[in-house]
Amino acid sequence: MDGKGEDMYGLHGRLMAQPGQGADLLKIMLDGLTDMPGCHLYIVSQDQIDPDSLWIYEVWDSQADHQASLKLESVQAMIAQARPLIAGMADRLEFTPVGGTGLPLVR
C-alpha cells in the first residue's frame, strides 16, 4: 500500500502497429511521455520477432494515477499522434506490484 491507502497498479500489454510502422510508433511512444505523476515505471519494448509489436509495461502508485495520466496534455498529444499508426491492442494484463528492484517496498 502506498501513502494514499491504495494498492500499486501495474499494466502490461501489446500495442500492434500498422504493417511497417513499428519503428515510427516506437519513436512516438518514447518521445511523447514526460512527467507522469505517480508513475514508477513506463517501459516500451519492441518485440524481437515482430517489429510491429510493442510491449508496454507500467507501474503506478495507483490505478487512479494511471487514469489521471490519460488526461495529461502530453499524453493526449502522444495518443493523437500515435492513433493512426495503431492496428490494435492485445494481451492486456493488469496486476498489483508488490516490490522488487527499482520499486518501493509495498506491505
N, C-alpha and C. Protein backbone atom coordinates (compact mmCIF):
# COMPACT_ATOMS: atom_id res chain seq x y z
N MET A 1 0.84 -1.18 0.00
CA MET A 1 0.00 0.00 0.00
C MET A 1 0.88 1.24 0.00
N ASP A 2 0.46 2.23 -0.72
CA ASP A 2 1.19 3.49 -0.71
C ASP A 2 0.60 4.39 0.37
N GLY A 3 1.12 5.61 0.45
CA GLY A 3 0.67 6.53 1.46
C GLY A 3 -0.79 6.94 1.32
N LYS A 4 -1.39 6.70 0.16
CA LYS A 4 -2.79 7.09 -0.07
C LYS A 4 -3.75 5.96 0.27
N GLY A 5 -3.23 4.82 0.71
CA GLY A 5 -4.10 3.72 1.10
C GLY A 5 -4.62 2.90 -0.08
N GLU A 6 -4.00 3.03 -1.24
CA GLU A 6 -4.40 2.25 -2.40
C GLU A 6 -3.28 1.30 -2.78
N ASP A 7 -3.62 0.18 -3.40
CA ASP A 7 -2.60 -0.73 -3.92
C ASP A 7 -1.93 -0.09 -5.12
N MET A 8 -0.65 -0.44 -5.31
CA MET A 8 0.01 -0.03 -6.54
C MET A 8 -0.71 -0.69 -7.71
N TYR A 9 -0.50 -0.17 -8.89
CA TYR A 9 -1.21 -0.66 -10.07
C TYR A 9 -0.21 -0.91 -11.18
N GLY A 10 -0.35 -2.05 -11.83
CA GLY A 10 0.50 -2.39 -12.96
C GLY A 10 -0.31 -2.78 -14.17
N LEU A 11 0.28 -2.51 -15.31
CA LEU A 11 -0.38 -2.80 -16.58
C LEU A 11 0.69 -3.26 -17.57
N HIS A 12 0.41 -4.33 -18.28
CA HIS A 12 1.32 -4.85 -19.30
C HIS A 12 0.48 -5.23 -20.50
N GLY A 13 0.88 -4.81 -21.67
CA GLY A 13 0.12 -5.16 -22.86
C GLY A 13 0.89 -4.94 -24.13
N ARG A 14 0.33 -5.44 -25.21
CA ARG A 14 0.96 -5.34 -26.53
C ARG A 14 0.18 -4.35 -27.38
N LEU A 15 0.92 -3.46 -28.00
CA LEU A 15 0.37 -2.48 -28.92
C LEU A 15 0.87 -2.86 -30.31
N MET A 16 -0.03 -3.09 -31.24
CA MET A 16 0.35 -3.54 -32.57
C MET A 16 0.24 -2.37 -33.56
N ALA A 17 1.35 -2.12 -34.25
CA ALA A 17 1.39 -1.05 -35.24
C ALA A 17 0.84 -1.55 -36.58
N GLN A 18 0.42 -0.59 -37.40
CA GLN A 18 0.10 -0.92 -38.78
C GLN A 18 1.35 -1.53 -39.41
N PRO A 19 1.21 -2.42 -40.40
CA PRO A 19 2.39 -3.08 -41.01
C PRO A 19 3.45 -2.06 -41.43
N GLY A 20 4.68 -2.33 -40.98
CA GLY A 20 5.80 -1.48 -41.34
C GLY A 20 5.93 -0.20 -40.54
N GLN A 21 5.04 0.02 -39.55
CA GLN A 21 5.03 1.28 -38.80
C GLN A 21 5.54 1.13 -37.37
N GLY A 22 6.10 -0.03 -37.03
CA GLY A 22 6.55 -0.27 -35.67
C GLY A 22 7.60 0.72 -35.19
N ALA A 23 8.59 1.02 -36.01
CA ALA A 23 9.65 1.95 -35.61
C ALA A 23 9.10 3.36 -35.40
N ASP A 24 8.18 3.78 -36.26
CA ASP A 24 7.59 5.11 -36.12
C ASP A 24 6.73 5.20 -34.86
N LEU A 25 5.96 4.15 -34.60
CA LEU A 25 5.13 4.13 -33.39
C LEU A 25 6.01 4.11 -32.14
N LEU A 26 7.09 3.35 -32.17
CA LEU A 26 8.02 3.30 -31.05
C LEU A 26 8.58 4.69 -30.74
N LYS A 27 8.98 5.42 -31.76
CA LYS A 27 9.52 6.77 -31.57
C LYS A 27 8.48 7.68 -30.92
N ILE A 28 7.25 7.63 -31.40
CA ILE A 28 6.18 8.45 -30.81
C ILE A 28 5.98 8.09 -29.34
N MET A 29 5.94 6.79 -29.06
CA MET A 29 5.69 6.33 -27.69
C MET A 29 6.81 6.76 -26.74
N LEU A 30 8.03 6.77 -27.21
CA LEU A 30 9.16 7.14 -26.37
C LEU A 30 9.30 8.65 -26.22
N ASP A 31 9.02 9.39 -27.27
CA ASP A 31 9.19 10.84 -27.25
C ASP A 31 8.04 11.55 -26.54
N GLY A 32 6.87 10.94 -26.48
CA GLY A 32 5.69 11.64 -26.02
C GLY A 32 5.39 11.58 -24.55
N LEU A 33 6.21 10.90 -23.78
CA LEU A 33 5.86 10.71 -22.37
C LEU A 33 6.86 11.39 -21.46
N THR A 34 6.37 12.37 -20.74
CA THR A 34 7.21 13.09 -19.78
C THR A 34 6.39 13.42 -18.54
N ASP A 35 7.05 13.43 -17.41
CA ASP A 35 6.48 13.88 -16.15
C ASP A 35 5.05 13.38 -15.92
N MET A 36 4.95 12.10 -15.58
CA MET A 36 3.65 11.50 -15.28
C MET A 36 3.61 11.21 -13.78
N PRO A 37 2.95 12.07 -13.00
CA PRO A 37 2.89 11.88 -11.54
C PRO A 37 2.35 10.49 -11.16
N GLY A 38 3.02 9.87 -10.21
CA GLY A 38 2.59 8.56 -9.74
C GLY A 38 3.16 7.40 -10.53
N CYS A 39 3.92 7.69 -11.60
CA CYS A 39 4.47 6.63 -12.45
C CYS A 39 5.86 6.25 -11.96
N HIS A 40 6.04 4.97 -11.62
CA HIS A 40 7.35 4.47 -11.22
C HIS A 40 8.10 3.89 -12.40
N LEU A 41 7.36 3.33 -13.35
CA LEU A 41 7.99 2.60 -14.44
C LEU A 41 7.10 2.66 -15.67
N TYR A 42 7.67 3.04 -16.79
CA TYR A 42 6.95 3.02 -18.07
C TYR A 42 7.96 2.59 -19.11
N ILE A 43 7.90 1.33 -19.48
CA ILE A 43 8.88 0.77 -20.40
C ILE A 43 8.18 0.39 -21.70
N VAL A 44 8.74 0.84 -22.80
CA VAL A 44 8.26 0.48 -24.13
C VAL A 44 9.33 -0.41 -24.76
N SER A 45 8.94 -1.61 -25.16
CA SER A 45 9.88 -2.57 -25.76
C SER A 45 9.38 -2.98 -27.13
N GLN A 46 10.31 -3.23 -28.03
CA GLN A 46 9.94 -3.71 -29.36
C GLN A 46 10.12 -5.23 -29.38
N ASP A 47 9.11 -5.93 -29.86
CA ASP A 47 9.15 -7.38 -29.95
C ASP A 47 10.30 -7.81 -30.86
N GLN A 48 11.07 -8.81 -30.45
CA GLN A 48 12.21 -9.27 -31.24
C GLN A 48 11.79 -10.06 -32.47
N ILE A 49 10.61 -10.64 -32.46
CA ILE A 49 10.15 -11.43 -33.60
C ILE A 49 9.29 -10.59 -34.54
N ASP A 50 8.42 -9.76 -33.97
CA ASP A 50 7.52 -8.92 -34.77
C ASP A 50 7.82 -7.44 -34.47
N PRO A 51 8.59 -6.76 -35.32
CA PRO A 51 8.96 -5.37 -35.05
C PRO A 51 7.77 -4.40 -35.07
N ASP A 52 6.62 -4.86 -35.50
CA ASP A 52 5.42 -4.03 -35.47
C ASP A 52 4.61 -4.22 -34.20
N SER A 53 5.15 -5.00 -33.24
CA SER A 53 4.52 -5.18 -31.94
C SER A 53 5.38 -4.53 -30.87
N LEU A 54 4.75 -3.68 -30.07
CA LEU A 54 5.42 -3.03 -28.94
C LEU A 54 4.79 -3.55 -27.66
N TRP A 55 5.60 -3.78 -26.65
CA TRP A 55 5.13 -4.20 -25.35
C TRP A 55 5.29 -3.03 -24.40
N ILE A 56 4.23 -2.69 -23.69
CA ILE A 56 4.24 -1.58 -22.75
C ILE A 56 4.09 -2.16 -21.34
N TYR A 57 4.99 -1.77 -20.45
CA TYR A 57 4.99 -2.25 -19.07
C TYR A 57 4.95 -1.02 -18.17
N GLU A 58 3.94 -0.92 -17.32
CA GLU A 58 3.74 0.26 -16.49
C GLU A 58 3.55 -0.12 -15.03
N VAL A 59 4.10 0.69 -14.12
CA VAL A 59 3.86 0.55 -12.69
C VAL A 59 3.55 1.94 -12.14
N TRP A 60 2.42 2.03 -11.45
CA TRP A 60 1.91 3.30 -10.92
C TRP A 60 1.66 3.20 -9.43
N ASP A 61 1.65 4.35 -8.76
CA ASP A 61 1.27 4.38 -7.34
C ASP A 61 -0.13 3.82 -7.15
N SER A 62 -1.03 4.10 -8.11
CA SER A 62 -2.41 3.63 -8.00
C SER A 62 -3.07 3.62 -9.38
N GLN A 63 -4.19 2.94 -9.47
CA GLN A 63 -4.94 2.95 -10.72
C GLN A 63 -5.46 4.36 -11.01
N ALA A 64 -5.78 5.12 -9.97
CA ALA A 64 -6.24 6.50 -10.16
C ALA A 64 -5.15 7.36 -10.79
N ASP A 65 -3.88 7.14 -10.41
CA ASP A 65 -2.79 7.88 -11.03
C ASP A 65 -2.67 7.53 -12.51
N HIS A 66 -2.84 6.25 -12.83
CA HIS A 66 -2.80 5.85 -14.23
C HIS A 66 -3.92 6.53 -15.02
N GLN A 67 -5.13 6.51 -14.47
CA GLN A 67 -6.26 7.15 -15.15
C GLN A 67 -6.04 8.65 -15.31
N ALA A 68 -5.48 9.30 -14.29
CA ALA A 68 -5.21 10.74 -14.38
C ALA A 68 -4.17 11.04 -15.46
N SER A 69 -3.23 10.14 -15.67
CA SER A 69 -2.20 10.37 -16.68
C SER A 69 -2.79 10.46 -18.08
N LEU A 70 -3.89 9.77 -18.30
CA LEU A 70 -4.52 9.77 -19.62
C LEU A 70 -5.13 11.12 -19.96
N LYS A 71 -5.27 11.99 -18.97
CA LYS A 71 -5.82 13.33 -19.18
C LYS A 71 -4.74 14.39 -19.34
N LEU A 72 -3.47 14.02 -19.12
CA LEU A 72 -2.37 14.97 -19.26
C LEU A 72 -2.25 15.43 -20.72
N GLU A 73 -1.95 16.70 -20.90
CA GLU A 73 -1.83 17.26 -22.26
C GLU A 73 -0.77 16.51 -23.08
N SER A 74 0.37 16.19 -22.46
CA SER A 74 1.44 15.50 -23.19
C SER A 74 1.00 14.10 -23.63
N VAL A 75 0.26 13.41 -22.77
CA VAL A 75 -0.22 12.06 -23.11
C VAL A 75 -1.31 12.14 -24.17
N GLN A 76 -2.20 13.09 -24.06
CA GLN A 76 -3.24 13.28 -25.08
C GLN A 76 -2.62 13.56 -26.45
N ALA A 77 -1.57 14.39 -26.49
CA ALA A 77 -0.89 14.70 -27.75
C ALA A 77 -0.22 13.46 -28.32
N MET A 78 0.41 12.66 -27.45
CA MET A 78 1.05 11.43 -27.91
C MET A 78 0.02 10.45 -28.47
N ILE A 79 -1.11 10.32 -27.79
CA ILE A 79 -2.17 9.42 -28.26
C ILE A 79 -2.69 9.87 -29.62
N ALA A 80 -2.91 11.16 -29.79
CA ALA A 80 -3.40 11.68 -31.07
C ALA A 80 -2.41 11.40 -32.20
N GLN A 81 -1.13 11.54 -31.91
CA GLN A 81 -0.11 11.30 -32.93
C GLN A 81 0.03 9.81 -33.24
N ALA A 82 -0.10 8.97 -32.23
CA ALA A 82 0.09 7.53 -32.39
C ALA A 82 -1.12 6.82 -33.00
N ARG A 83 -2.32 7.32 -32.73
CA ARG A 83 -3.55 6.63 -33.12
C ARG A 83 -3.56 6.14 -34.58
N PRO A 84 -3.17 6.95 -35.57
CA PRO A 84 -3.22 6.46 -36.96
C PRO A 84 -2.27 5.29 -37.24
N LEU A 85 -1.26 5.11 -36.41
CA LEU A 85 -0.29 4.04 -36.63
C LEU A 85 -0.65 2.76 -35.90
N ILE A 86 -1.67 2.79 -35.05
CA ILE A 86 -2.03 1.64 -34.23
C ILE A 86 -3.04 0.75 -34.95
N ALA A 87 -2.67 -0.53 -35.07
CA ALA A 87 -3.57 -1.51 -35.68
C ALA A 87 -4.46 -2.17 -34.64
N GLY A 88 -3.99 -2.22 -33.39
CA GLY A 88 -4.79 -2.85 -32.34
C GLY A 88 -3.98 -3.04 -31.07
N MET A 89 -4.67 -3.58 -30.05
CA MET A 89 -4.05 -3.88 -28.77
C MET A 89 -4.41 -5.31 -28.40
N ALA A 90 -3.52 -5.97 -27.66
CA ALA A 90 -3.78 -7.37 -27.27
C ALA A 90 -3.00 -7.69 -26.01
N ASP A 91 -3.28 -8.83 -25.46
CA ASP A 91 -2.52 -9.39 -24.34
C ASP A 91 -2.44 -8.43 -23.16
N ARG A 92 -3.51 -7.73 -22.86
CA ARG A 92 -3.54 -6.78 -21.74
C ARG A 92 -3.65 -7.53 -20.42
N LEU A 93 -2.80 -7.15 -19.48
CA LEU A 93 -2.78 -7.76 -18.17
C LEU A 93 -2.65 -6.67 -17.12
N GLU A 94 -3.57 -6.64 -16.17
CA GLU A 94 -3.48 -5.73 -15.04
C GLU A 94 -3.01 -6.54 -13.84
N PHE A 95 -2.16 -5.92 -13.00
CA PHE A 95 -1.62 -6.64 -11.86
C PHE A 95 -1.33 -5.67 -10.72
N THR A 96 -1.03 -6.22 -9.55
CA THR A 96 -0.71 -5.43 -8.37
C THR A 96 0.77 -5.65 -8.03
N PRO A 97 1.64 -4.67 -8.34
CA PRO A 97 3.05 -4.80 -7.98
C PRO A 97 3.21 -4.82 -6.46
N VAL A 98 4.11 -5.64 -5.97
CA VAL A 98 4.33 -5.72 -4.53
C VAL A 98 5.76 -5.44 -4.12
N GLY A 99 6.63 -5.07 -5.05
CA GLY A 99 8.00 -4.70 -4.73
C GLY A 99 8.99 -5.37 -5.67
N GLY A 100 10.24 -5.06 -5.47
CA GLY A 100 11.30 -5.60 -6.30
C GLY A 100 12.31 -4.51 -6.61
N THR A 101 13.34 -4.85 -7.34
CA THR A 101 14.38 -3.89 -7.69
C THR A 101 13.77 -2.72 -8.44
N GLY A 102 14.02 -1.51 -7.94
CA GLY A 102 13.52 -0.32 -8.59
C GLY A 102 12.15 0.15 -8.11
N LEU A 103 11.48 -0.65 -7.30
CA LEU A 103 10.19 -0.27 -6.78
C LEU A 103 10.24 -0.12 -5.26
N PRO A 104 9.43 0.78 -4.72
CA PRO A 104 9.38 0.87 -3.26
C PRO A 104 8.77 -0.40 -2.68
N LEU A 105 9.20 -0.75 -1.49
CA LEU A 105 8.64 -1.92 -0.81
C LEU A 105 7.17 -1.66 -0.50
N VAL A 106 6.34 -2.59 -0.85
CA VAL A 106 4.91 -2.48 -0.60
C VAL A 106 4.54 -3.53 0.43
N ARG A 107 3.84 -3.12 1.46
CA ARG A 107 3.43 -4.08 2.51
C ARG A 107 1.95 -4.02 2.69
